[in-house]
Amino acid sequence: MQPSAEILNRIRNNIKKVIIGKDDVIDLLLISLLCSGHVLIEDIPGTGKTTIVSALAASLGCSFKRIQFTPDVLPSDITGFNMFNMKTGEQEFHQGLVMNQIILADEINRTSPKTQSALLEVMQENQVTIDGKTYPAPRPFMVLATQNPVEMAGTYPLPEAQLDRFLMCISIGYPSREEEVQILANYRPKKAAEVLSPVASAEDIIRMQQELENIHCSKEILKYIIYISESTRKMQGVKIGISPRGSIALMLASKGCAMLEGRSFVLPDDVQRMAYPVLSHRLILHGRLRQQTDSKSIITNILRTTPVPAAR
């Protein structure tokens, strides 16, 4: 059995064959994978959102499906549906696109809120319910959604309940000048799946996800996480602060960060590193405060004023 650190490093190096730079983004995707979490990638078109997700999927020996969200996509396209078979006289279940291990929900905010909500159950419970019957999603299961900024025409902002199902919300950002030179010099009109081969199996991923439970998180670290969450609930101008689900997400992501670094215990640095991608999209600000600041600035202020526990 290969060590988890070796498998994670192999996945990282495989992705970097087609992705120039963005080591921090790759690490966040791997941490989310360890946590059995879902990721929302929000950025303008052309920054490599689809490419980096496809590269992760191509590196894993898991089933993969890309769902291109448009206004005419129906909930039944996502979850599946029952159809009456006239030959057998019975209802037959036709599974939806979501019944794969790795799902790329491309441009999720270009479909209607009704279709967006079709993902709620499967993202939270790893199952879909059709006509009262439950069908489990395959394991491992991960949704990686991309969206363009909500200010762009033809988009539907994701509701708070949907946003809360994502472990992280991250942005890729523009490459540096040197990185963009490399991108142009190495450009080949090929898809990631045509260039990359799987370097980890589904069994590897499930085993590493189980190992995450063994990462130790001390009571002092747990209190630190709770203090951060409580601060968001008491702050003036914050309409919706961090819920207990958000606190759990920060704990899990901190464990994943520790595991990625090869440690069996969580440090305050892990919590601070994970606070931005895990908490930013969960904070809902009142209109007046939203014009003056943003979620990341609020989290920065909270981290600066919250006492840091001693590392143990």
C-alpha atoms as a PDB file:
ATOM      1  CA  MET A   1       0.000   0.000   0.000  1.00  0.00           C
ATOM      2  CA  GLN A   2       1.497   3.314  -1.063  1.00  0.00           C
ATOM      3  CA  PRO A   3       1.748   6.171   1.474  1.00  0.00           C
ATOM      4  CA  SER A   4      -0.847   8.926   1.094  1.00  0.00           C
ATOM      5  CA  ALA A   5       1.845  11.605   0.762  1.00  0.00           C
ATOM      6  CA  GLU A   6       3.298   9.794  -2.241  1.00  0.00           C
ATOM      7  CA  ILE A   7      -0.096   9.461  -3.936  1.00  0.00           C
ATOM      8  CA  LEU A   8      -0.962  13.120  -3.339  1.00  0.00           C
ATOM      9  CA  ASN A   9       2.397  14.253  -4.703  1.00  0.00           C
ATOM     10  CA  ARG A  10       1.899  12.079  -7.779  1.00  0.00           C
ATOM     11  CA  ILE A  11      -1.534  13.611  -8.436  1.00  0.00           C
ATOM     12  CA  ARG A  12      -0.127  17.114  -7.968  1.00  0.00           C
ATOM     13  CA  ASN A  13       2.747  16.524 -10.385  1.00  0.00           C
ATOM     14  CA  ASN A  14       0.411  14.973 -12.939  1.00  0.00           C
ATOM     15  CA  ILE A  15      -1.875  18.015 -12.910  1.00  0.00           C
ATOM     16  CA  LYS A  16       1.120  20.325 -13.288  1.00  0.00           C
ATOM     17  CA  LYS A  17       1.891  18.706 -16.643  1.00  0.00           C
ATOM     18  CA  VAL A  18      -0.952  20.763 -18.138  1.00  0.00           C
ATOM     19  CA  ILE A  19      -1.345  23.573 -15.562  1.00  0.00           C
ATOM     20  CA  ILE A  20       1.330  26.266 -15.352  1.00  0.00           C
ATOM     21  CA  GLY A  21       1.725  27.643 -11.825  1.00  0.00           C
ATOM     22  CA  LYS A  22      -1.348  27.749  -9.548  1.00  0.00           C
ATOM     23  CA  ASP A  23       0.190  25.388  -6.974  1.00  0.00           C
ATOM     24  CA  ASP A  24      -2.034  26.891  -4.269  1.00  0.00           C
ATOM     25  CA  VAL A  25      -5.189  26.153  -6.291  1.00  0.00           C
ATOM     26  CA  ILE A  26      -4.074  22.564  -6.923  1.00  0.00           C
ATOM     27  CA  ASP A  27      -3.451  22.093  -3.195  1.00  0.00           C
ATOM     28  CA  LEU A  28      -6.929  23.403  -2.344  1.00  0.00           C
ATOM     29  CA  LEU A  29      -8.500  20.937  -4.788  1.00  0.00           C
ATOM     30  CA  LEU A  30      -6.533  18.064  -3.228  1.00  0.00           C
ATOM     31  CA  ILE A  31      -7.532  19.124   0.286  1.00  0.00           C
ATOM     32  CA  SER A  32     -11.185  19.219  -0.776  1.00  0.00           C
ATOM     33  CA  LEU A  33     -10.809  15.759  -2.287  1.00  0.00           C
ATOM     34  CA  LEU A  34      -9.410  14.437   1.008  1.00  0.00           C
ATOM     35  CA  CYS A  35     -12.360  15.992   2.861  1.00  0.00           C
ATOM     36  CA  SER A  36     -14.972  14.516   0.481  1.00  0.00           C
ATOM     37  CA  GLY A  37     -15.889  18.155  -0.160  1.00  0.00           C
ATOM     38  CA  HIS A  38     -17.165  20.069  -3.166  1.00  0.00           C
ATOM     39  CA  VAL A  39     -15.531  23.113  -4.720  1.00  0.00           C
ATOM     40  CA  LEU A  40     -16.903  26.223  -6.396  1.00  0.00           C
ATOM     41  CA  ILE A  41     -14.413  27.923  -8.727  1.00  0.00           C
ATOM     42  CA  GLU A  42     -15.436  31.483  -9.464  1.00  0.00           C
ATOM     43  CA  ASP A  43     -13.546  33.492 -12.053  1.00  0.00           C
ATOM     44  CA  ILE A  44     -13.882  35.208 -15.392  1.00  0.00           C
ATOM     45  CA  PRO A  45     -13.883  33.106 -18.593  1.00  0.00           C
ATOM     46  CA  GLY A  46     -10.539  31.943 -19.934  1.00  0.00           C
ATOM     47  CA  THR A  47      -8.573  31.614 -16.711  1.00  0.00           C
ATOM     48  CA  GLY A  48      -8.431  27.799 -16.806  1.00  0.00           C
ATOM     49  CA  LYS A  49     -11.315  26.748 -14.564  1.00  0.00           C
ATOM     50  CA  THR A  50     -12.448  23.872 -16.767  1.00  0.00           C
ATOM     51  CA  THR A  51      -8.874  22.837 -17.593  1.00  0.00           C
ATOM     52  CA  ILE A  52      -7.738  22.442 -13.994  1.00  0.00           C
ATOM     53  CA  VAL A  53     -10.847  20.430 -13.068  1.00  0.00           C
ATOM     54  CA  SER A  54     -10.410  18.205 -16.130  1.00  0.00           C
ATOM     55  CA  ALA A  55      -6.756  17.690 -15.196  1.00  0.00           C
ATOM     56  CA  LEU A  56      -7.720  16.567 -11.686  1.00  0.00           C
ATOM     57  CA  ALA A  57     -10.343  14.185 -13.075  1.00  0.00           C
ATOM     58  CA  ALA A  58      -7.907  12.784 -15.654  1.00  0.00           C
ATOM     59  CA  SER A  59      -5.397  12.088 -12.855  1.00  0.00           C
ATOM     60  CA  LEU A  60      -7.859   9.890 -10.962  1.00  0.00           C
ATOM     61  CA  GLY A  61      -9.123   6.467 -11.957  1.00  0.00           C
ATOM     62  CA  CYS A  62     -12.701   7.582 -11.404  1.00  0.00           C
ATOM     63  CA  SER A  63     -15.713   8.044 -13.643  1.00  0.00           C
ATOM     64  CA  PHE A  64     -16.030  11.638 -14.822  1.00  0.00           C
ATOM     65  CA  LYS A  65     -18.845  13.639 -16.361  1.00  0.00           C
ATOM     66  CA  ARG A  66     -18.936  17.251 -17.476  1.00  0.00           C
ATOM     67  CA  ILE A  67     -22.354  18.905 -17.261  1.00  0.00           C
ATOM     68  CA  GLN A  68     -22.618  22.099 -19.279  1.00  0.00           C
ATOM     69  CA  PHE A  69     -25.248  24.138 -17.474  1.00  0.00           C
ATOM     70  CA  THR A  70     -27.524  26.215 -19.693  1.00  0.00           C
ATOM     71  CA  PRO A  71     -31.000  27.721 -19.121  1.00  0.00           C
ATOM     72  CA  ASP A  72     -32.686  24.699 -20.737  1.00  0.00           C
ATOM     73  CA  VAL A  73     -31.078  22.008 -18.536  1.00  0.00           C
ATOM     74  CA  LEU A  74     -33.775  20.289 -16.455  1.00  0.00           C
ATOM     75  CA  PRO A  75     -33.503  18.865 -12.912  1.00  0.00           C
ATOM     76  CA  SER A  76     -34.248  15.377 -14.285  1.00  0.00           C
ATOM     77  CA  ASP A  77     -31.221  15.690 -16.573  1.00  0.00           C
ATOM     78  CA  ILE A  78     -29.126  16.001 -13.428  1.00  0.00           C
ATOM     79  CA  THR A  79     -30.699  13.515 -11.019  1.00  0.00           C
ATOM     80  CA  GLY A  80     -32.363  11.033 -13.397  1.00  0.00           C
ATOM     81  CA  PHE A  81     -35.977   9.992 -13.875  1.00  0.00           C
ATOM     82  CA  ASN A  82     -38.352   7.011 -13.972  1.00  0.00           C
ATOM     83  CA  MET A  83     -39.916   5.942 -17.262  1.00  0.00           C
ATOM     84  CA  PHE A  84     -42.672   3.395 -17.798  1.00  0.00           C
ATOM     85  CA  ASN A  85     -41.518   0.416 -19.872  1.00  0.00           C
ATOM     86  CA  MET A  86     -44.468  -0.779 -21.931  1.00  0.00           C
ATOM     87  CA  LYS A  87     -42.830  -4.170 -22.589  1.00  0.00           C
ATOM     88  CA  THR A  88     -42.275  -5.075 -18.942  1.00  0.00           C
ATOM     89  CA  GLY A  89     -45.105  -3.005 -17.477  1.00  0.00           C
ATOM     90  CA  GLU A  90     -42.721  -1.566 -14.886  1.00  0.00           C
ATOM     91  CA  GLN A  91     -41.089   1.747 -14.106  1.00  0.00           C
ATOM     92  CA  GLU A  92     -37.415   1.880 -15.046  1.00  0.00           C
ATOM     93  CA  PHE A  93     -34.908   4.275 -13.511  1.00  0.00           C
ATOM     94  CA  HIS A  94     -32.739   6.191 -15.966  1.00  0.00           C
ATOM     95  CA  GLN A  95     -29.823   7.598 -14.020  1.00  0.00           C
ATOM     96  CA  GLY A  96     -28.882  11.245 -14.440  1.00  0.00           C
ATOM     97  CA  LEU A  97     -25.549  12.818 -15.247  1.00  0.00           C
ATOM     98  CA  VAL A  98     -24.745  13.214 -11.552  1.00  0.00           C
ATOM     99  CA  MET A  99     -24.267   9.458 -11.117  1.00  0.00           C
ATOM    100  CA  ASN A 100     -20.511   9.676 -11.666  1.00  0.00           C
ATOM    101  CA  GLN A 101     -17.646   9.988  -9.214  1.00  0.00           C
ATOM    102  CA  ILE A 102     -16.215  13.312 -10.390  1.00  0.00           C
ATOM    103  CA  ILE A 103     -18.689  15.911 -11.677  1.00  0.00           C
ATOM    104  CA  LEU A 104     -17.737  19.111 -13.458  1.00  0.00           C
ATOM    105  CA  ALA A 105     -20.748  21.423 -13.169  1.00  0.00           C
ATOM    106  CA  ASP A 106     -19.593  23.931 -15.760  1.00  0.00           C
ATOM    107  CA  GLU A 107     -21.007  27.459 -15.505  1.00  0.00           C
ATOM    108  CA  ILE A 108     -23.491  26.404 -12.844  1.00  0.00           C
ATOM    109  CA  ASN A 109     -24.873  29.922 -12.518  1.00  0.00           C
ATOM    110  CA  ARG A 110     -26.120  29.909 -16.112  1.00  0.00           C
ATOM    111  CA  THR A 111     -28.945  27.513 -15.288  1.00  0.00           C
ATOM    112  CA  SER A 112     -32.190  28.210 -13.445  1.00  0.00           C
ATOM    113  CA  PRO A 113     -32.443  28.111  -9.618  1.00  0.00           C
ATOM    114  CA  LYS A 114     -34.738  25.056  -9.919  1.00  0.00           C
ATOM    115  CA  THR A 115     -32.045  23.099 -11.742  1.00  0.00           C
ATOM    116  CA  GLN A 116     -29.346  24.363  -9.380  1.00  0.00           C
ATOM    117  CA  SER A 117     -31.343  23.011  -6.436  1.00  0.00           C
ATOM    118  CA  ALA A 118     -31.355  19.534  -8.019  1.00  0.00           C
ATOM    119  CA  LEU A 119     -27.775  19.213  -6.771  1.00  0.00           C
ATOM    120  CA  LEU A 120     -28.579  19.992  -3.138  1.00  0.00           C
ATOM    121  CA  GLU A 121     -29.424  16.473  -1.936  1.00  0.00           C
ATOM    122  CA  VAL A 122     -26.633  14.667  -3.757  1.00  0.00           C
ATOM    123  CA  MET A 123     -24.020  17.195  -2.585  1.00  0.00           C
ATOM    124  CA  GLN A 124     -25.086  16.862   1.048  1.00  0.00           C
ATOM    125  CA  GLU A 125     -26.218  13.239   1.318  1.00  0.00           C
ATOM    126  CA  ASN A 126     -24.424  11.550  -1.608  1.00  0.00           C
ATOM    127  CA  GLN A 127     -27.756  10.256  -2.899  1.00  0.00           C
ATOM    128  CA  VAL A 128     -30.687  11.233  -5.091  1.00  0.00           C
ATOM    129  CA  THR A 129     -34.360  10.541  -4.448  1.00  0.00           C
ATOM    130  CA  ILE A 130     -36.667   9.905  -7.399  1.00  0.00           C
ATOM    131  CA  ASP A 131     -40.381   9.251  -6.786  1.00  0.00           C
ATOM    132  CA  GLY A 132     -39.696   8.335  -3.166  1.00  0.00           C
ATOM    133  CA  LYS A 133     -36.879   5.873  -3.910  1.00  0.00           C
ATOM    134  CA  THR A 134     -33.285   6.650  -2.953  1.00  0.00           C
ATOM    135  CA  TYR A 135     -30.294   5.894  -5.185  1.00  0.00           C
ATOM    136  CA  PRO A 136     -26.771   6.237  -3.733  1.00  0.00           C
ATOM    137  CA  ALA A 137     -24.135   8.196  -5.636  1.00  0.00           C
ATOM    138  CA  PRO A 138     -20.879   6.384  -6.431  1.00  0.00           C
ATOM    139  CA  ARG A 139     -17.850   6.740  -4.142  1.00  0.00           C
ATOM    140  CA  PRO A 140     -15.772   8.787  -4.041  1.00  0.00           C
ATOM    141  CA  PHE A 141     -18.090  11.620  -5.079  1.00  0.00           C
ATOM    142  CA  MET A 142     -17.058  15.207  -5.751  1.00  0.00           C
ATOM    143  CA  VAL A 143     -18.727  18.144  -7.475  1.00  0.00           C
ATOM    144  CA  LEU A 144     -16.454  20.818  -8.916  1.00  0.00           C
ATOM    145  CA  ALA A 145     -18.575  23.703 -10.140  1.00  0.00           C
ATOM    146  CA  THR A 146     -17.413  26.712 -12.110  1.00  0.00           C
ATOM    147  CA  GLN A 147     -19.190  30.008 -12.391  1.00  0.00           C
ATOM    148  CA  ASN A 148     -18.600  33.381 -13.957  1.00  0.00           C
ATOM    149  CA  PRO A 149     -19.024  36.517 -11.831  1.00  0.00           C
ATOM    150  CA  VAL A 150     -22.700  37.155 -11.092  1.00  0.00           C
ATOM    151  CA  GLU A 151     -22.446  40.630 -12.581  1.00  0.00           C
ATOM    152  CA  MET A 152     -22.145  39.128 -16.054  1.00  0.00           C
ATOM    153  CA  ALA A 153     -25.284  38.947 -18.214  1.00  0.00           C
ATOM    154  CA  GLY A 154     -27.339  35.753 -18.249  1.00  0.00           C
ATOM    155  CA  THR A 155     -26.331  34.433 -14.845  1.00  0.00           C
ATOM    156  CA  TYR A 156     -28.363  33.351 -11.799  1.00  0.00           C
ATOM    157  CA  PRO A 157     -26.684  33.936  -8.407  1.00  0.00           C
ATOM    158  CA  LEU A 158     -26.460  30.750  -6.351  1.00  0.00           C
ATOM    159  CA  PRO A 159     -28.722  30.813  -3.249  1.00  0.00           C
ATOM    160  CA  GLU A 160     -27.162  30.703   0.224  1.00  0.00           C
ATOM    161  CA  ALA A 161     -28.273  27.083   0.774  1.00  0.00           C
ATOM    162  CA  GLN A 162     -26.448  26.022  -2.395  1.00  0.00           C
ATOM    163  CA  LEU A 163     -23.296  27.981  -1.572  1.00  0.00           C
ATOM    164  CA  ASP A 164     -23.158  26.385   1.876  1.00  0.00           C
ATOM    165  CA  ARG A 165     -22.856  22.921   0.298  1.00  0.00           C
ATOM    166  CA  PHE A 166     -19.480  23.826  -1.177  1.00  0.00           C
ATOM    167  CA  LEU A 167     -16.560  23.152   1.128  1.00  0.00           C
ATOM    168  CA  MET A 168     -14.544  25.851  -0.615  1.00  0.00           C
ATOM    169  CA  CYS A 169     -14.956  28.716  -3.026  1.00  0.00           C
ATOM    170  CA  ILE A 170     -11.731  29.571  -4.830  1.00  0.00           C
ATOM    171  CA  SER A 171     -10.499  31.808  -7.611  1.00  0.00           C
ATOM    172  CA  ILE A 172      -7.726  30.931 -10.059  1.00  0.00           C
ATOM    173  CA  GLY A 173      -6.810  34.469 -11.089  1.00  0.00           C
ATOM    174  CA  TYR A 174      -4.635  35.700 -13.914  1.00  0.00           C
ATOM    175  CA  PRO A 175      -1.215  34.099 -14.452  1.00  0.00           C
ATOM    176  CA  SER A 176       1.974  36.066 -13.966  1.00  0.00           C
ATOM    177  CA  ARG A 177       3.738  37.364 -17.051  1.00  0.00           C
ATOM    178  CA  GLU A 178       6.290  34.538 -16.914  1.00  0.00           C
ATOM    179  CA  GLU A 179       3.558  31.931 -16.476  1.00  0.00           C
ATOM    180  CA  GLU A 180       1.584  33.301 -19.409  1.00  0.00           C
ATOM    181  CA  VAL A 181       4.686  33.114 -21.615  1.00  0.00           C
ATOM    182  CA  GLN A 182       4.967  29.422 -20.674  1.00  0.00           C
ATOM    183  CA  ILE A 183       1.264  28.900 -21.378  1.00  0.00           C
ATOM    184  CA  LEU A 184       1.633  30.314 -24.875  1.00  0.00           C
ATOM    185  CA  ALA A 185       4.892  28.457 -25.578  1.00  0.00           C
ATOM    186  CA  ASN A 186       3.478  25.102 -24.425  1.00  0.00           C
ATOM    187  CA  TYR A 187       0.013  25.498 -25.900  1.00  0.00           C
ATOM    188  CA  ARG A 188      -1.322  22.449 -27.708  1.00  0.00           C
ATOM    189  CA  PRO A 189      -4.980  22.101 -28.733  1.00  0.00           C
ATOM    190  CA  LYS A 190      -5.454  18.909 -26.721  1.00  0.00           C
ATOM    191  CA  LYS A 191      -7.730  18.113 -23.807  1.00  0.00           C
ATOM    192  CA  ALA A 192      -6.278  17.144 -20.426  1.00  0.00           C
ATOM    193  CA  ALA A 193      -7.754  13.638 -20.742  1.00  0.00           C
ATOM    194  CA  GLU A 194      -5.761  13.127 -23.955  1.00  0.00           C
ATOM    195  CA  VAL A 195      -2.492  14.148 -22.302  1.00  0.00           C
ATOM    196  CA  LEU A 196      -2.794  12.702 -18.787  1.00  0.00           C
ATOM    197  CA  SER A 197      -3.208   9.167 -17.469  1.00  0.00           C
ATOM    198  CA  PRO A 198      -4.662   8.224 -14.062  1.00  0.00           C
ATOM    199  CA  VAL A 199      -2.072   8.075 -11.275  1.00  0.00           C
ATOM    200  CA  ALA A 200      -4.453   7.184  -8.410  1.00  0.00           C
ATOM    201  CA  SER A 201      -7.403   4.830  -8.124  1.00  0.00           C
ATOM    202  CA  ALA A 202     -10.817   5.317  -6.553  1.00  0.00           C
ATOM    203  CA  GLU A 203      -9.713   2.948  -3.781  1.00  0.00           C
ATOM    204  CA  ASP A 204      -6.702   5.190  -3.077  1.00  0.00           C
ATOM    205  CA  ILE A 205      -8.969   8.210  -2.698  1.00  0.00           C
ATOM    206  CA  ILE A 206     -11.428   6.420  -0.394  1.00  0.00           C
ATOM    207  CA  ARG A 207      -8.575   5.148   1.791  1.00  0.00           C
ATOM    208  CA  MET A 208      -7.077   8.631   2.132  1.00  0.00           C
ATOM    209  CA  GLN A 209     -10.503  10.068   2.971  1.00  0.00           C
ATOM    210  CA  GLN A 210     -10.776   7.491   5.759  1.00  0.00           C
ATOM    211  CA  GLU A 211      -7.283   8.361   7.003  1.00  0.00           C
ATOM    212  CA  LEU A 212      -8.399  11.970   7.442  1.00  0.00           C
ATOM    213  CA  GLU A 213     -10.372  10.855  10.516  1.00  0.00           C
ATOM    214  CA  ASN A 214      -7.060  10.014  12.209  1.00  0.00           C
ATOM    215  CA  ILE A 215      -5.714  13.571  11.949  1.00  0.00           C
ATOM    216  CA  HIS A 216      -5.745  15.018  15.467  1.00  0.00           C
ATOM    217  CA  CYS A 217      -7.451  18.344  16.146  1.00  0.00           C
ATOM    218  CA  SER A 218      -6.888  19.480  19.757  1.00  0.00           C
ATOM    219  CA  LYS A 219      -9.556  21.127  21.899  1.00  0.00           C
ATOM    220  CA  GLU A 220      -7.628  24.396  21.703  1.00  0.00           C
ATOM    221  CA  ILE A 221      -7.791  24.299  17.904  1.00  0.00           C
ATOM    222  CA  LEU A 222     -11.496  23.446  18.005  1.00  0.00           C
ATOM    223  CA  LYS A 223     -12.128  26.420  20.296  1.00  0.00           C
ATOM    224  CA  TYR A 224     -10.096  28.622  17.946  1.00  0.00           C
ATOM    225  CA  ILE A 225     -12.335  27.588  15.048  1.00  0.00           C
ATOM    226  CA  ILE A 226     -15.459  28.295  17.109  1.00  0.00           C
ATOM    227  CA  TYR A 227     -14.174  31.730  18.187  1.00  0.00           C
ATOM    228  CA  ILE A 228     -13.660  32.641  14.522  1.00  0.00           C
ATOM    229  CA  SER A 229     -17.171  31.501  13.605  1.00  0.00           C
ATOM    230  CA  GLU A 230     -18.758  33.263  16.577  1.00  0.00           C
ATOM    231  CA  SER A 231     -17.029  36.521  15.673  1.00  0.00           C
ATOM    232  CA  THR A 232     -18.740  36.543  12.280  1.00  0.00           C
ATOM    233  CA  ARG A 233     -22.153  36.106  13.924  1.00  0.00           C
ATOM    234  CA  LYS A 234     -21.692  39.083  16.232  1.00  0.00           C
ATOM    235  CA  MET A 235     -20.205  41.519  13.738  1.00  0.00           C
ATOM    236  CA  GLN A 236     -22.328  44.507  12.753  1.00  0.00           C
ATOM    237  CA  GLY A 237     -23.256  44.580   9.091  1.00  0.00           C
ATOM    238  CA  VAL A 238     -23.032  40.795   8.679  1.00  0.00           C
ATOM    239  CA  LYS A 239     -26.440  39.476   7.688  1.00  0.00           C
ATOM    240  CA  ILE A 240     -25.587  35.763   7.902  1.00  0.00           C
ATOM    241  CA  GLY A 241     -22.528  34.600   9.826  1.00  0.00           C
ATOM    242  CA  ILE A 242     -20.781  31.247   9.834  1.00  0.00           C
ATOM    243  CA  SER A 243     -23.088  28.366  10.783  1.00  0.00           C
ATOM    244  CA  PRO A 244     -22.036  25.174  12.619  1.00  0.00           C
ATOM    245  CA  ARG A 245     -21.773  23.540   9.189  1.00  0.00           C
ATOM    246  CA  GLY A 246     -19.203  26.196   8.297  1.00  0.00           C
ATOM    247  CA  SER A 247     -17.262  25.453  11.495  1.00  0.00           C
ATOM    248  CA  ILE A 248     -17.245  21.740  10.620  1.00  0.00           C
ATOM    249  CA  ALA A 249     -16.050  22.586   7.117  1.00  0.00           C
ATOM    250  CA  LEU A 250     -13.172  24.665   8.513  1.00  0.00           C
ATOM    251  CA  MET A 251     -12.177  21.829  10.859  1.00  0.00           C
ATOM    252  CA  LEU A 252     -12.205  19.256   8.046  1.00  0.00           C
ATOM    253  CA  ALA A 253     -10.276  21.508   5.664  1.00  0.00           C
ATOM    254  CA  SER A 254      -7.683  22.183   8.378  1.00  0.00           C
ATOM    255  CA  LYS A 255      -7.267  18.428   8.844  1.00  0.00           C
ATOM    256  CA  GLY A 256      -6.896  18.041   5.082  1.00  0.00           C
ATOM    257  CA  CYS A 257      -4.279  20.789   5.044  1.00  0.00           C
ATOM    258  CA  ALA A 258      -2.318  19.021   7.784  1.00  0.00           C
ATOM    259  CA  MET A 259      -2.543  15.710   5.930  1.00  0.00           C
ATOM    260  CA  LEU A 260      -1.350  17.320   2.701  1.00  0.00           C
ATOM    261  CA  GLU A 261       1.650  18.676   4.616  1.00  0.00           C
ATOM    262  CA  GLY A 262       2.386  15.184   5.954  1.00  0.00           C
ATOM    263  CA  ARG A 263       1.353  15.905   9.551  1.00  0.00           C
ATOM    264  CA  SER A 264      -0.954  13.914  11.827  1.00  0.00           C
ATOM    265  CA  PHE A 265      -2.146  16.977  13.761  1.00  0.00           C
ATOM    266  CA  VAL A 266      -3.637  20.388  12.996  1.00  0.00           C
ATOM    267  CA  LEU A 267      -1.790  23.653  13.615  1.00  0.00           C
ATOM    268  CA  PRO A 268      -3.300  27.162  13.925  1.00  0.00           C
ATOM    269  CA  ASP A 269      -1.565  27.939  10.622  1.00  0.00           C
ATOM    270  CA  ASP A 270      -3.754  25.310   8.937  1.00  0.00           C
ATOM    271  CA  VAL A 271      -6.906  26.998  10.247  1.00  0.00           C
ATOM    272  CA  GLN A 272      -5.714  30.409   9.096  1.00  0.00           C
ATOM    273  CA  ARG A 273      -4.796  29.120   5.643  1.00  0.00           C
ATOM    274  CA  MET A 274      -8.174  27.443   5.185  1.00  0.00           C
ATOM    275  CA  ALA A 275     -10.281  30.287   6.624  1.00  0.00           C
ATOM    276  CA  TYR A 276     -10.454  32.273   3.377  1.00  0.00           C
ATOM    277  CA  PRO A 277     -11.523  29.581   0.881  1.00  0.00           C
ATOM    278  CA  VAL A 278     -13.828  27.862   3.395  1.00  0.00           C
ATOM    279  CA  LEU A 279     -15.559  30.841   5.001  1.00  0.00           C
ATOM    280  CA  SER A 280     -15.624  33.710   2.481  1.00  0.00           C
ATOM    281  CA  HIS A 281     -18.559  32.447   0.420  1.00  0.00           C
ATOM    282  CA  ARG A 282     -20.586  31.671   3.550  1.00  0.00           C
ATOM    283  CA  LEU A 283     -20.611  35.249   4.848  1.00  0.00           C
ATOM    284  CA  ILE A 284     -23.586  37.293   3.668  1.00  0.00           C
ATOM    285  CA  LEU A 285     -23.220  41.037   4.211  1.00  0.00           C
ATOM    286  CA  HIS A 286     -25.844  43.756   4.412  1.00  0.00           C
ATOM    287  CA  GLY A 287     -25.937  46.010   1.364  1.00  0.00           C
ATOM    288  CA  ARG A 288     -24.314  49.009   3.043  1.00  0.00           C
ATOM    289  CA  LEU A 289     -21.366  47.018   4.423  1.00  0.00           C
ATOM    290  CA  ARG A 290     -20.975  45.198   1.098  1.00  0.00           C
ATOM    291  CA  GLN A 291     -20.277  48.565  -0.553  1.00  0.00           C
ATOM    292  CA  GLN A 292     -17.501  49.300   1.933  1.00  0.00           C
ATOM    293  CA  THR A 293     -15.697  45.967   2.305  1.00  0.00           C
ATOM    294  CA  ASP A 294     -15.803  42.272   1.399  1.00  0.00           C
ATOM    295  CA  SER A 295     -15.838  38.912   3.137  1.00  0.00           C
ATOM    296  CA  LYS A 296     -12.071  38.372   2.869  1.00  0.00           C
ATOM    297  CA  SER A 297     -11.342  41.693   4.590  1.00  0.00           C
ATOM    298  CA  ILE A 298     -13.694  40.761   7.421  1.00  0.00           C
ATOM    299  CA  ILE A 299     -12.024  37.369   7.856  1.00  0.00           C
ATOM    300  CA  THR A 300      -8.602  39.047   7.829  1.00  0.00           C
ATOM    301  CA  ASN A 301      -9.700  41.357  10.634  1.00  0.00           C
ATOM    302  CA  ILE A 302     -11.145  38.443  12.647  1.00  0.00           C
ATOM    303  CA  LEU A 303      -7.965  36.378  12.286  1.00  0.00           C
ATOM    304  CA  ARG A 304      -5.892  39.378  13.363  1.00  0.00           C
ATOM    305  CA  THR A 305      -7.942  39.981  16.522  1.00  0.00           C
ATOM    306  CA  THR A 306      -8.648  36.382  17.587  1.00  0.00           C
ATOM    307  CA  PRO A 307      -6.086  34.970  20.077  1.00  0.00           C
ATOM    308  CA  VAL A 308      -4.070  32.171  18.490  1.00  0.00           C
ATOM    309  CA  PRO A 309      -3.672  29.015  20.608  1.00  0.00           C
ATOM    310  CA  ALA A 310      -0.234  27.639  21.253  1.00  0.00           C
ATOM    311  CA  ALA A 311       0.767  24.875  18.832  1.00  0.00           C
ATOM    312  CA  ARG A 312       0.772  21.420  20.391  1.00  0.00           C
END
